[in-house]
Amino acid sequence: MTEISRSIEIAAPRDQVWAYIQPENWTKIFDFVREVDGYTNGQPGVGTRARVVAGTDAQSTVQYNVEITEFKAPERIVYRRYGGPLSGKGVIEVKPLQKGTLFVRTSYYEDDLSESTIEMLSANLERDNRKIRRNIEHAVLRRASSR
Protein backbone atom coordinates (compact mmCIF):
# COMPACT_ATOMS: atom_id res chain seq x y z
CA MET A 1 0.00 0.00 0.00
CA THR A 2 1.17 3.54 -0.78
CA GLU A 3 0.00 6.80 0.84
CA ILE A 4 0.56 10.26 -0.60
CA SER A 5 -0.65 13.37 1.21
CA ARG A 6 -0.29 17.08 0.43
CA SER A 7 -1.76 20.12 2.12
CA ILE A 8 -1.89 23.85 1.54
CA GLU A 9 -3.15 26.86 3.47
CA ILE A 10 -5.72 28.98 1.66
CA ALA A 11 -6.52 32.55 2.67
CA ALA A 12 -10.28 32.08 2.49
CA PRO A 13 -13.05 30.89 4.81
CA ARG A 14 -13.69 27.14 4.98
CA ASP A 15 -17.18 27.48 3.46
CA GLN A 16 -15.74 29.05 0.30
CA VAL A 17 -13.11 26.33 -0.03
CA TRP A 18 -15.72 23.64 0.57
CA ALA A 19 -18.04 25.04 -2.12
CA TYR A 20 -15.18 25.15 -4.63
CA ILE A 21 -13.87 21.58 -4.18
CA GLN A 22 -17.15 19.71 -4.73
CA PRO A 23 -16.87 16.63 -7.01
CA GLU A 24 -18.87 18.23 -9.82
CA ASN A 25 -16.04 20.82 -10.09
CA TRP A 26 -13.17 18.30 -10.25
CA THR A 27 -12.64 18.77 -14.01
CA LYS A 28 -12.09 22.49 -13.39
CA ILE A 29 -9.75 22.18 -10.43
CA PHE A 30 -7.72 18.99 -10.90
CA ASP A 31 -5.50 19.20 -14.00
CA PHE A 32 -5.39 15.43 -14.48
CA VAL A 33 -9.21 14.92 -14.37
CA ARG A 34 -10.74 15.43 -17.82
CA GLU A 35 -14.27 14.11 -17.27
CA VAL A 36 -16.52 13.24 -14.32
CA ASP A 37 -19.80 11.60 -15.22
CA GLY A 38 -22.30 11.04 -12.44
CA TYR A 39 -22.53 14.19 -10.34
CA THR A 40 -25.36 15.78 -12.28
CA ASN A 41 -27.96 15.26 -9.56
CA GLY A 42 -26.85 18.13 -7.31
CA GLN A 43 -25.20 17.53 -3.96
CA PRO A 44 -23.21 14.31 -3.84
CA GLY A 45 -23.51 12.19 -0.76
CA VAL A 46 -22.60 8.76 0.52
CA GLY A 47 -23.21 6.21 -2.22
CA THR A 48 -22.93 8.70 -5.10
CA ARG A 49 -20.91 7.15 -7.93
CA ALA A 50 -19.18 8.58 -10.96
CA ARG A 51 -16.98 7.51 -13.83
CA VAL A 52 -13.73 9.51 -14.12
CA VAL A 53 -11.54 9.96 -17.19
CA ALA A 54 -8.08 11.23 -16.29
CA GLY A 55 -4.81 11.86 -18.05
CA THR A 56 -2.91 14.55 -19.89
CA ASP A 57 -3.11 13.04 -23.37
CA ALA A 58 -4.48 10.00 -25.27
CA GLN A 59 -1.50 7.88 -24.25
CA SER A 60 -1.88 8.57 -20.52
CA THR A 61 -5.69 8.44 -20.38
CA VAL A 62 -7.16 6.16 -17.74
CA GLN A 63 -10.73 5.52 -16.63
CA TYR A 64 -11.92 4.47 -13.22
CA ASN A 65 -14.93 4.68 -10.94
CA VAL A 66 -15.34 6.58 -7.71
CA GLU A 67 -17.91 6.13 -4.99
CA ILE A 68 -18.39 8.57 -2.13
CA THR A 69 -18.06 6.58 1.12
CA GLU A 70 -18.11 9.54 3.53
CA PHE A 71 -19.49 13.04 2.98
CA LYS A 72 -19.37 15.32 5.99
CA ALA A 73 -20.01 18.93 4.96
CA PRO A 74 -18.06 21.19 5.23
CA GLU A 75 -15.20 19.04 6.48
CA ARG A 76 -14.47 15.84 4.61
CA ILE A 77 -15.09 13.81 1.47
CA VAL A 78 -13.85 10.21 1.31
CA TYR A 79 -14.17 8.19 -1.88
CA ARG A 80 -12.94 4.88 -3.16
CA ARG A 81 -11.35 4.42 -6.59
CA TYR A 82 -12.00 1.15 -8.38
CA GLY A 83 -12.41 -0.41 -11.82
CA GLY A 84 -9.16 0.97 -13.21
CA PRO A 85 -5.52 1.52 -12.37
CA LEU A 86 -4.43 2.92 -9.01
CA SER A 87 -7.31 1.50 -7.02
CA GLY A 88 -7.62 2.74 -3.48
CA LYS A 89 -9.12 5.57 -1.49
CA GLY A 90 -9.02 9.37 -1.61
CA VAL A 91 -9.64 11.76 1.27
CA ILE A 92 -10.24 15.50 0.95
CA GLU A 93 -10.28 17.49 4.19
CA VAL A 94 -11.10 21.16 4.74
CA LYS A 95 -9.97 22.38 8.17
CA PRO A 96 -10.56 25.88 9.56
CA LEU A 97 -7.53 27.87 10.66
CA GLN A 98 -7.43 31.08 12.65
CA LYS A 99 -6.90 32.93 9.35
CA GLY A 100 -8.07 30.83 6.43
CA THR A 101 -8.37 27.14 5.70
CA LEU A 102 -6.11 24.11 5.56
CA PHE A 103 -6.88 22.00 2.48
CA VAL A 104 -5.56 18.42 2.68
CA ARG A 105 -5.66 15.72 0.01
CA THR A 106 -4.55 12.19 0.78
CA SER A 107 -4.52 9.28 -1.65
CA TYR A 108 -4.15 5.67 -0.55
CA TYR A 109 -3.22 3.17 -3.26
CA GLU A 110 -3.74 -0.57 -2.83
CA ASP A 111 -0.45 -1.33 -4.59
CA ASP A 112 3.11 -0.44 -3.70
CA LEU A 113 3.90 2.21 -6.31
CA SER A 114 7.28 2.84 -7.90
CA GLU A 115 9.29 5.85 -6.77
CA SER A 116 8.81 7.57 -10.15
CA THR A 117 5.02 7.08 -9.97
CA ILE A 118 4.95 8.46 -6.42
CA GLU A 119 6.97 11.49 -7.53
CA MET A 120 4.62 12.13 -10.47
CA LEU A 121 1.46 11.76 -8.34
CA SER A 122 2.94 13.96 -5.58
CA ALA A 123 3.81 16.69 -8.09
CA ASN A 124 0.26 16.53 -9.47
CA LEU A 125 -1.21 16.93 -5.96
CA GLU A 126 1.03 19.91 -5.25
CA ARG A 127 0.24 21.59 -8.59
CA ASP A 128 -3.50 21.08 -8.09
CA ASN A 129 -3.33 22.44 -4.54
CA ARG A 130 -1.55 25.60 -5.72
CA LYS A 131 -4.13 26.05 -8.48
CA ILE A 132 -7.00 25.62 -6.00
CA ARG A 133 -5.45 28.16 -3.62
CA ARG A 134 -4.81 30.67 -6.43
CA ASN A 135 -8.35 30.40 -7.82
CA ILE A 136 -10.09 30.63 -4.45
CA GLU A 137 -7.94 33.51 -3.22
CA HIS A 138 -8.50 35.42 -6.48
CA ALA A 139 -12.26 34.94 -6.07
CA VAL A 140 -12.05 36.26 -2.49
CA LEU A 141 -10.10 39.31 -3.68
CA ARG A 142 -12.60 39.99 -6.49
CA ARG A 143 -15.50 39.86 -4.02
CA ALA A 144 -13.72 42.17 -1.60
CA SER A 145 -12.87 44.74 -4.30
CA SER A 146 -16.45 44.78 -5.65
CA ARG A 147 -17.89 45.83 -2.27
C-alpha atoms as a PDB file:
ATOM      1  CA  MET A   1       0.000   0.000   0.000  1.00  0.00           C
ATOM      2  CA  THR A   2       1.168   3.544  -0.782  1.00  0.00           C
ATOM      3  CA  GLU A   3       0.002   6.796   0.841  1.00  0.00           C
ATOM      4  CA  ILE A   4       0.561  10.260  -0.605  1.00  0.00           C
ATOM      5  CA  SER A   5      -0.653  13.374   1.212  1.00  0.00           C
ATOM      6  CA  ARG A   6      -0.291  17.077   0.432  1.00  0.00           C
ATOM      7  CA  SER A   7      -1.761  20.122   2.124  1.00  0.00           C
ATOM      8  CA  ILE A   8      -1.894  23.851   1.536  1.00  0.00           C
ATOM      9  CA  GLU A   9      -3.145  26.862   3.467  1.00  0.00           C
ATOM     10  CA  ILE A  10      -5.721  28.976   1.662  1.00  0.00           C
ATOM     11  CA  ALA A  11      -6.519  32.555   2.672  1.00  0.00           C
ATOM     12  CA  ALA A  12     -10.284  32.077   2.492  1.00  0.00           C
ATOM     13  CA  PRO A  13     -13.053  30.885   4.808  1.00  0.00           C
ATOM     14  CA  ARG A  14     -13.688  27.145   4.980  1.00  0.00           C
ATOM     15  CA  ASP A  15     -17.179  27.477   3.461  1.00  0.00           C
ATOM     16  CA  GLN A  16     -15.741  29.052   0.299  1.00  0.00           C
ATOM     17  CA  VAL A  17     -13.106  26.335  -0.029  1.00  0.00           C
ATOM     18  CA  TRP A  18     -15.722  23.636   0.565  1.00  0.00           C
ATOM     19  CA  ALA A  19     -18.036  25.039  -2.119  1.00  0.00           C
ATOM     20  CA  TYR A  20     -15.180  25.150  -4.625  1.00  0.00           C
ATOM     21  CA  ILE A  21     -13.867  21.584  -4.182  1.00  0.00           C
ATOM     22  CA  GLN A  22     -17.152  19.712  -4.726  1.00  0.00           C
ATOM     23  CA  PRO A  23     -16.868  16.632  -7.008  1.00  0.00           C
ATOM     24  CA  GLU A  24     -18.871  18.226  -9.825  1.00  0.00           C
ATOM     25  CA  ASN A  25     -16.040  20.820 -10.090  1.00  0.00           C
ATOM     26  CA  TRP A  26     -13.174  18.304 -10.247  1.00  0.00           C
ATOM     27  CA  THR A  27     -12.639  18.766 -14.009  1.00  0.00           C
ATOM     28  CA  LYS A  28     -12.087  22.489 -13.393  1.00  0.00           C
ATOM     29  CA  ILE A  29      -9.748  22.178 -10.427  1.00  0.00           C
ATOM     30  CA  PHE A  30      -7.719  18.988 -10.898  1.00  0.00           C
ATOM     31  CA  ASP A  31      -5.499  19.198 -14.000  1.00  0.00           C
ATOM     32  CA  PHE A  32      -5.394  15.431 -14.484  1.00  0.00           C
ATOM     33  CA  VAL A  33      -9.206  14.918 -14.373  1.00  0.00           C
ATOM     34  CA  ARG A  34     -10.739  15.431 -17.816  1.00  0.00           C
ATOM     35  CA  GLU A  35     -14.273  14.113 -17.268  1.00  0.00           C
ATOM     36  CA  VAL A  36     -16.516  13.240 -14.323  1.00  0.00           C
ATOM     37  CA  ASP A  37     -19.802  11.605 -15.224  1.00  0.00           C
ATOM     38  CA  GLY A  38     -22.302  11.042 -12.437  1.00  0.00           C
ATOM     39  CA  TYR A  39     -22.534  14.191 -10.341  1.00  0.00           C
ATOM     40  CA  THR A  40     -25.356  15.777 -12.281  1.00  0.00           C
ATOM     41  CA  ASN A  41     -27.963  15.262  -9.563  1.00  0.00           C
ATOM     42  CA  GLY A  42     -26.849  18.128  -7.313  1.00  0.00           C
ATOM     43  CA  GLN A  43     -25.199  17.534  -3.957  1.00  0.00           C
ATOM     44  CA  PRO A  44     -23.212  14.314  -3.835  1.00  0.00           C
ATOM     45  CA  GLY A  45     -23.511  12.191  -0.756  1.00  0.00           C
ATOM     46  CA  VAL A  46     -22.599   8.759   0.524  1.00  0.00           C
ATOM     47  CA  GLY A  47     -23.208   6.214  -2.218  1.00  0.00           C
ATOM     48  CA  THR A  48     -22.928   8.697  -5.099  1.00  0.00           C
ATOM     49  CA  ARG A  49     -20.911   7.146  -7.934  1.00  0.00           C
ATOM     50  CA  ALA A  50     -19.183   8.576 -10.957  1.00  0.00           C
ATOM     51  CA  ARG A  51     -16.977   7.515 -13.832  1.00  0.00           C
ATOM     52  CA  VAL A  52     -13.734   9.509 -14.115  1.00  0.00           C
ATOM     53  CA  VAL A  53     -11.543   9.956 -17.185  1.00  0.00           C
ATOM     54  CA  ALA A  54      -8.081  11.234 -16.287  1.00  0.00           C
ATOM     55  CA  GLY A  55      -4.806  11.862 -18.050  1.00  0.00           C
ATOM     56  CA  THR A  56      -2.910  14.545 -19.888  1.00  0.00           C
ATOM     57  CA  ASP A  57      -3.107  13.035 -23.373  1.00  0.00           C
ATOM     58  CA  ALA A  58      -4.476  10.005 -25.270  1.00  0.00           C
ATOM     59  CA  GLN A  59      -1.495   7.882 -24.254  1.00  0.00           C
ATOM     60  CA  SER A  60      -1.880   8.573 -20.518  1.00  0.00           C
ATOM     61  CA  THR A  61      -5.686   8.444 -20.377  1.00  0.00           C
ATOM     62  CA  VAL A  62      -7.165   6.157 -17.739  1.00  0.00           C
ATOM     63  CA  GLN A  63     -10.730   5.520 -16.634  1.00  0.00           C
ATOM     64  CA  TYR A  64     -11.917   4.466 -13.215  1.00  0.00           C
ATOM     65  CA  ASN A  65     -14.933   4.677 -10.941  1.00  0.00           C
ATOM     66  CA  VAL A  66     -15.344   6.583  -7.711  1.00  0.00           C
ATOM     67  CA  GLU A  67     -17.908   6.128  -4.987  1.00  0.00           C
ATOM     68  CA  ILE A  68     -18.386   8.573  -2.127  1.00  0.00           C
ATOM     69  CA  THR A  69     -18.060   6.584   1.115  1.00  0.00           C
ATOM     70  CA  GLU A  70     -18.108   9.537   3.528  1.00  0.00           C
ATOM     71  CA  PHE A  71     -19.490  13.036   2.981  1.00  0.00           C
ATOM     72  CA  LYS A  72     -19.370  15.318   5.986  1.00  0.00           C
ATOM     73  CA  ALA A  73     -20.011  18.932   4.960  1.00  0.00           C
ATOM     74  CA  PRO A  74     -18.058  21.193   5.232  1.00  0.00           C
ATOM     75  CA  GLU A  75     -15.198  19.036   6.477  1.00  0.00           C
ATOM     76  CA  ARG A  76     -14.473  15.843   4.614  1.00  0.00           C
ATOM     77  CA  ILE A  77     -15.087  13.813   1.469  1.00  0.00           C
ATOM     78  CA  VAL A  78     -13.855  10.213   1.309  1.00  0.00           C
ATOM     79  CA  TYR A  79     -14.170   8.186  -1.876  1.00  0.00           C
ATOM     80  CA  ARG A  80     -12.939   4.877  -3.158  1.00  0.00           C
ATOM     81  CA  ARG A  81     -11.350   4.422  -6.595  1.00  0.00           C
ATOM     82  CA  TYR A  82     -11.999   1.147  -8.378  1.00  0.00           C
ATOM     83  CA  GLY A  83     -12.410  -0.413 -11.820  1.00  0.00           C
ATOM     84  CA  GLY A  84      -9.164   0.974 -13.207  1.00  0.00           C
ATOM     85  CA  PRO A  85      -5.524   1.524 -12.371  1.00  0.00           C
ATOM     86  CA  LEU A  86      -4.425   2.919  -9.010  1.00  0.00           C
ATOM     87  CA  SER A  87      -7.313   1.502  -7.017  1.00  0.00           C
ATOM     88  CA  GLY A  88      -7.620   2.739  -3.483  1.00  0.00           C
ATOM     89  CA  LYS A  89      -9.120   5.573  -1.492  1.00  0.00           C
ATOM     90  CA  GLY A  90      -9.021   9.375  -1.606  1.00  0.00           C
ATOM     91  CA  VAL A  91      -9.638  11.762   1.272  1.00  0.00           C
ATOM     92  CA  ILE A  92     -10.239  15.505   0.953  1.00  0.00           C
ATOM     93  CA  GLU A  93     -10.282  17.492   4.194  1.00  0.00           C
ATOM     94  CA  VAL A  94     -11.102  21.157   4.743  1.00  0.00           C
ATOM     95  CA  LYS A  95      -9.974  22.382   8.173  1.00  0.00           C
ATOM     96  CA  PRO A  96     -10.556  25.881   9.557  1.00  0.00           C
ATOM     97  CA  LEU A  97      -7.527  27.868  10.665  1.00  0.00           C
ATOM     98  CA  GLN A  98      -7.427  31.079  12.649  1.00  0.00           C
ATOM     99  CA  LYS A  99      -6.904  32.930   9.355  1.00  0.00           C
ATOM    100  CA  GLY A 100      -8.066  30.831   6.431  1.00  0.00           C
ATOM    101  CA  THR A 101      -8.372  27.143   5.704  1.00  0.00           C
ATOM    102  CA  LEU A 102      -6.109  24.110   5.560  1.00  0.00           C
ATOM    103  CA  PHE A 103      -6.878  22.004   2.479  1.00  0.00           C
ATOM    104  CA  VAL A 104      -5.559  18.421   2.682  1.00  0.00           C
ATOM    105  CA  ARG A 105      -5.663  15.722   0.006  1.00  0.00           C
ATOM    106  CA  THR A 106      -4.547  12.191   0.781  1.00  0.00           C
ATOM    107  CA  SER A 107      -4.518   9.281  -1.647  1.00  0.00           C
ATOM    108  CA  TYR A 108      -4.148   5.673  -0.551  1.00  0.00           C
ATOM    109  CA  TYR A 109      -3.218   3.169  -3.256  1.00  0.00           C
ATOM    110  CA  GLU A 110      -3.739  -0.573  -2.830  1.00  0.00           C
ATOM    111  CA  ASP A 111      -0.452  -1.326  -4.590  1.00  0.00           C
ATOM    112  CA  ASP A 112       3.113  -0.442  -3.701  1.00  0.00           C
ATOM    113  CA  LEU A 113       3.899   2.213  -6.308  1.00  0.00           C
ATOM    114  CA  SER A 114       7.283   2.845  -7.901  1.00  0.00           C
ATOM    115  CA  GLU A 115       9.295   5.854  -6.772  1.00  0.00           C
ATOM    116  CA  SER A 116       8.808   7.571 -10.149  1.00  0.00           C
ATOM    117  CA  THR A 117       5.019   7.076  -9.971  1.00  0.00           C
ATOM    118  CA  ILE A 118       4.952   8.459  -6.417  1.00  0.00           C
ATOM    119  CA  GLU A 119       6.972  11.490  -7.532  1.00  0.00           C
ATOM    120  CA  MET A 120       4.616  12.133 -10.465  1.00  0.00           C
ATOM    121  CA  LEU A 121       1.457  11.758  -8.338  1.00  0.00           C
ATOM    122  CA  SER A 122       2.942  13.963  -5.581  1.00  0.00           C
ATOM    123  CA  ALA A 123       3.813  16.688  -8.093  1.00  0.00           C
ATOM    124  CA  ASN A 124       0.261  16.530  -9.473  1.00  0.00           C
ATOM    125  CA  LEU A 125      -1.212  16.928  -5.960  1.00  0.00           C
ATOM    126  CA  GLU A 126       1.028  19.914  -5.251  1.00  0.00           C
ATOM    127  CA  ARG A 127       0.237  21.590  -8.588  1.00  0.00           C
ATOM    128  CA  ASP A 128      -3.504  21.080  -8.095  1.00  0.00           C
ATOM    129  CA  ASN A 129      -3.333  22.437  -4.538  1.00  0.00           C
ATOM    130  CA  ARG A 130      -1.547  25.595  -5.722  1.00  0.00           C
ATOM    131  CA  LYS A 131      -4.134  26.053  -8.484  1.00  0.00           C
ATOM    132  CA  ILE A 132      -7.000  25.622  -6.001  1.00  0.00           C
ATOM    133  CA  ARG A 133      -5.453  28.159  -3.624  1.00  0.00           C
ATOM    134  CA  ARG A 134      -4.806  30.666  -6.425  1.00  0.00           C
ATOM    135  CA  ASN A 135      -8.354  30.402  -7.820  1.00  0.00           C
ATOM    136  CA  ILE A 136     -10.086  30.627  -4.448  1.00  0.00           C
ATOM    137  CA  GLU A 137      -7.935  33.508  -3.218  1.00  0.00           C
ATOM    138  CA  HIS A 138      -8.502  35.425  -6.477  1.00  0.00           C
ATOM    139  CA  ALA A 139     -12.258  34.937  -6.073  1.00  0.00           C
ATOM    140  CA  VAL A 140     -12.054  36.265  -2.494  1.00  0.00           C
ATOM    141  CA  LEU A 141     -10.101  39.313  -3.677  1.00  0.00           C
ATOM    142  CA  ARG A 142     -12.599  39.987  -6.492  1.00  0.00           C
ATOM    143  CA  ARG A 143     -15.505  39.863  -4.018  1.00  0.00           C
ATOM    144  CA  ALA A 144     -13.721  42.174  -1.598  1.00  0.00           C
ATOM    145  CA  SER A 145     -12.874  44.737  -4.299  1.00  0.00           C
ATOM    146  CA  SER A 146     -16.445  44.777  -5.646  1.00  0.00           C
ATOM    147  CA  ARG A 147     -17.895  45.825  -2.267  1.00  0.00           C
END
